[in-house]
Amino acid sequence: MSAANRGASRSDLDFYETPEWAVRQLLGREPLGPAVIDPGCGTGAILRHLPITAYGVEIDPARRRIAQESGGHFVSELDFLANGYARGCFDAAVMNPPYSLAREFVLRALEVVKDDGKVCALLRLNFLGSSRKRFDVVGPGSGLIRVWALSKRPSFTGQGTDACDYAWVVWRKGYKGAATVEVMPMPEVGAA
């Protein structure tokens, strides 16, 4: 996740907890609807802020258990990319996917949201720039509708901020227009 400690060991299954302030920033700007999925929910950092009707998916049994116990949401222990969820059954997907599988998570999430449903992914801003391999998810006709650049770099480990800039990247299923880019204001003082 971090470019600051190249060569450092990576977290198991590319798990990096989403900061609460970053989740609040997104949810204050993107209406989602009641049926929301977090397809790689980890310990539930995003899930805890979603409606109680939200659904979590986590591949790691220990993290799934923590997410289930901490938020009152239903959390399945499954591999989101390998399981056959019904198409069009969620209003939105909100996630901080493993970066190495971000494209695959976005494409799969676009399958499980309803027509006009949203997919919101917390991603490195350079996900958009190095798009040759991801043109299908960031190019024209991809459904990319909005990019909310974070004005503060997040800390995913509690040990300083990451060396990369991040954004909430939002797709709307069926959208064919151009995407807008906005910078989210700094989180309020005291927000971690």
Protein backbone atom coordinates (compact mmCIF):
# COMPACT_ATOMS: atom_id res chain seq x y z
CA MET A 1 0.00 0.00 0.00
CA SER A 2 2.67 2.49 0.93
CA ALA A 3 5.28 3.82 -1.42
CA ALA A 4 7.19 5.17 1.59
CA ASN A 5 8.46 1.80 2.79
CA ARG A 6 9.26 0.01 -0.43
CA GLY A 7 10.47 -3.47 0.32
CA ALA A 8 8.67 -3.56 3.68
CA SER A 9 6.48 -6.56 4.28
CA ARG A 10 2.90 -6.16 3.10
CA SER A 11 -0.19 -6.83 5.12
CA ASP A 12 -1.79 -10.26 4.78
CA LEU A 13 -4.24 -10.27 1.84
CA ASP A 14 -3.38 -6.60 1.24
CA PHE A 15 -5.45 -5.56 4.27
CA TYR A 16 -5.29 -1.88 5.19
CA GLU A 17 -7.96 -0.42 7.46
CA THR A 18 -9.88 2.51 5.96
CA PRO A 19 -9.70 5.65 8.13
CA GLU A 20 -13.06 6.69 9.56
CA TRP A 21 -12.74 10.28 8.35
CA ALA A 22 -12.32 9.10 4.74
CA VAL A 23 -15.51 7.03 4.96
CA ARG A 24 -17.44 9.97 6.44
CA GLN A 25 -16.15 12.26 3.67
CA LEU A 26 -17.58 9.94 1.00
CA LEU A 27 -20.89 9.22 2.69
CA GLY A 28 -21.52 12.94 3.17
CA ARG A 29 -21.36 13.44 -0.59
CA GLU A 30 -22.63 10.30 -2.32
CA PRO A 31 -26.19 9.08 -1.70
CA LEU A 32 -26.12 5.29 -1.95
CA GLY A 33 -29.49 3.74 -1.17
CA PRO A 34 -30.24 1.14 1.51
CA ALA A 35 -28.88 -2.03 -0.13
CA VAL A 36 -25.08 -1.61 -0.03
CA ILE A 37 -22.27 -4.15 -0.17
CA ASP A 38 -18.67 -3.82 1.03
CA PRO A 39 -17.02 -6.63 -0.95
CA GLY A 40 -13.78 -6.80 1.02
CA CYS A 41 -14.91 -5.45 4.34
CA GLY A 42 -11.94 -6.49 6.49
CA THR A 43 -12.83 -5.75 10.11
CA GLY A 44 -15.73 -3.49 9.10
CA ALA A 45 -14.24 0.02 8.99
CA ILE A 46 -16.52 1.06 6.11
CA LEU A 47 -19.39 -1.24 7.02
CA ARG A 48 -19.85 0.37 10.45
CA HIS A 49 -20.90 3.62 8.75
CA LEU A 50 -23.35 2.08 6.29
CA PRO A 51 -27.07 1.44 6.83
CA ILE A 52 -27.84 -1.66 8.90
CA THR A 53 -29.15 -3.22 5.68
CA ALA A 54 -25.60 -3.20 4.27
CA TYR A 55 -23.90 -6.50 3.60
CA GLY A 56 -20.22 -7.35 4.04
CA VAL A 57 -18.00 -9.92 2.38
CA GLU A 58 -14.59 -10.91 3.78
CA ILE A 59 -12.29 -13.75 2.77
CA ASP A 60 -10.34 -13.87 6.06
CA PRO A 61 -12.27 -15.71 8.83
CA ALA A 62 -10.82 -13.72 11.76
CA ARG A 63 -11.53 -10.36 10.11
CA ARG A 64 -15.00 -11.52 9.08
CA ARG A 65 -15.78 -12.38 12.68
CA ILE A 66 -14.64 -8.94 13.92
CA ALA A 67 -16.72 -7.19 11.25
CA GLN A 68 -19.78 -9.29 12.09
CA GLU A 69 -19.50 -8.62 15.82
CA SER A 70 -18.72 -4.92 15.62
CA GLY A 71 -21.50 -3.56 13.46
CA GLY A 72 -24.59 -5.74 13.51
CA HIS A 73 -24.31 -6.28 9.74
CA PHE A 74 -24.42 -9.64 8.02
CA VAL A 75 -20.91 -10.56 6.84
CA SER A 76 -20.18 -13.59 4.67
CA GLU A 77 -16.84 -15.39 4.63
CA LEU A 78 -16.42 -15.61 0.88
CA ASP A 79 -14.12 -14.68 -1.98
CA PHE A 80 -16.02 -11.82 -3.66
CA LEU A 81 -14.34 -12.42 -7.00
CA ALA A 82 -15.04 -16.15 -7.08
CA ASN A 83 -18.64 -16.22 -5.85
CA GLY A 84 -21.70 -15.87 -8.03
CA TYR A 85 -23.78 -13.06 -6.56
CA ALA A 86 -27.03 -12.24 -8.26
CA ARG A 87 -26.66 -9.46 -10.78
CA GLY A 88 -28.30 -6.17 -9.92
CA CYS A 89 -29.19 -6.89 -6.29
CA PHE A 90 -27.42 -3.93 -4.59
CA ASP A 91 -27.93 -0.18 -4.84
CA ALA A 92 -24.21 0.44 -4.33
CA ALA A 93 -20.84 -1.05 -3.47
CA VAL A 94 -18.39 0.83 -1.22
CA MET A 95 -14.90 -0.58 -0.83
CA ASN A 96 -11.20 -0.21 -0.22
CA PRO A 97 -10.13 -3.11 -2.44
CA PRO A 98 -6.72 -4.78 -2.51
CA TYR A 99 -4.84 -2.51 -4.95
CA SER A 100 -3.48 -5.41 -6.98
CA LEU A 101 -7.07 -6.59 -7.59
CA ALA A 102 -8.81 -3.20 -7.72
CA ARG A 103 -9.79 -3.48 -11.40
CA GLU A 104 -11.30 -6.93 -10.83
CA PHE A 105 -13.20 -5.75 -7.73
CA VAL A 106 -14.61 -2.75 -9.63
CA LEU A 107 -15.75 -4.87 -12.57
CA ARG A 108 -17.36 -7.46 -10.30
CA ALA A 109 -19.04 -4.77 -8.20
CA LEU A 110 -20.49 -3.21 -11.36
CA GLU A 111 -22.10 -6.58 -12.08
CA VAL A 112 -23.79 -6.87 -8.68
CA VAL A 113 -25.20 -3.33 -8.48
CA LYS A 114 -28.54 -2.41 -10.02
CA ASP A 115 -28.84 -0.36 -13.19
CA ASP A 116 -27.80 3.18 -12.20
CA GLY A 117 -26.19 1.71 -9.06
CA LYS A 118 -22.91 3.12 -7.79
CA VAL A 119 -19.51 1.62 -7.09
CA CYS A 120 -17.26 3.69 -4.82
CA ALA A 121 -13.66 2.58 -4.37
CA LEU A 122 -10.93 4.18 -2.28
CA LEU A 123 -7.93 4.04 -4.60
CA ARG A 124 -4.55 5.59 -5.19
CA LEU A 125 -5.00 8.58 -7.46
CA ASN A 126 -2.50 7.07 -9.88
CA PHE A 127 -5.03 4.29 -10.57
CA LEU A 128 -6.44 6.76 -13.12
CA GLY A 129 -3.11 7.77 -14.61
CA SER A 130 -1.59 4.40 -15.38
CA SER A 131 -4.71 3.33 -17.19
CA ARG A 132 -3.40 1.30 -20.14
CA LYS A 133 -4.26 -1.94 -18.33
CA ARG A 134 -7.41 -0.45 -16.79
CA PHE A 135 -8.85 1.53 -19.68
CA ASP A 136 -12.02 -0.55 -19.48
CA VAL A 137 -12.71 0.82 -15.99
CA VAL A 138 -11.46 4.40 -16.38
CA GLY A 139 -11.91 5.17 -20.08
CA PRO A 140 -14.94 6.44 -22.02
CA GLY A 141 -18.09 4.42 -21.45
CA SER A 142 -16.69 2.79 -18.30
CA GLY A 143 -19.31 4.34 -16.03
CA LEU A 144 -16.71 6.50 -14.26
CA ILE A 145 -18.74 9.47 -13.09
CA ARG A 146 -16.77 11.18 -10.34
CA VAL A 147 -13.40 11.34 -8.61
CA TRP A 148 -13.29 12.76 -5.08
CA ALA A 149 -9.61 13.49 -4.43
CA LEU A 150 -8.78 13.46 -0.71
CA SER A 151 -7.08 16.67 0.40
CA LYS A 152 -5.34 14.77 3.21
CA ARG A 153 -3.28 11.63 2.79
CA PRO A 154 -4.72 8.77 4.83
CA SER A 155 -2.89 6.62 7.34
CA PHE A 156 -3.80 2.97 6.90
CA THR A 157 -1.52 1.71 9.64
CA GLY A 158 -1.70 4.42 12.31
CA GLN A 159 2.03 5.00 11.78
CA GLY A 160 2.08 8.10 9.57
CA THR A 161 0.43 8.85 6.28
CA ASP A 162 0.91 6.97 3.06
CA ALA A 163 3.24 8.50 0.46
CA CYS A 164 0.52 8.34 -2.22
CA ASP A 165 -2.47 10.54 -2.88
CA TYR A 166 -5.89 8.88 -2.72
CA ALA A 167 -9.39 9.44 -4.03
CA TRP A 168 -12.83 7.96 -3.82
CA VAL A 169 -13.43 6.87 -7.40
CA VAL A 170 -17.12 6.52 -8.25
CA TRP A 171 -18.77 4.64 -11.09
CA ARG A 172 -22.46 4.58 -11.97
CA LYS A 173 -23.62 1.54 -13.89
CA GLY A 174 -24.78 2.55 -17.34
CA TYR A 175 -23.29 6.05 -17.23
CA LYS A 176 -21.64 7.09 -20.50
CA GLY A 177 -20.67 10.74 -19.92
CA ALA A 178 -17.51 12.44 -18.74
CA ALA A 179 -16.29 12.20 -15.16
CA THR A 180 -15.92 15.16 -12.84
CA VAL A 181 -13.02 15.66 -10.46
CA GLU A 182 -13.41 17.45 -7.14
CA VAL A 183 -11.17 17.83 -4.13
CA MET A 184 -12.78 17.02 -0.79
CA PRO A 185 -12.13 19.65 1.86
CA MET A 186 -9.86 18.82 4.78
CA PRO A 187 -11.57 16.71 7.43
CA GLU A 188 -12.54 18.55 10.60
CA VAL A 189 -9.87 19.06 13.23
CA GLY A 190 -9.45 16.00 15.44
CA ALA A 191 -10.50 13.52 12.76
CA ALA A 192 -8.04 10.67 12.58
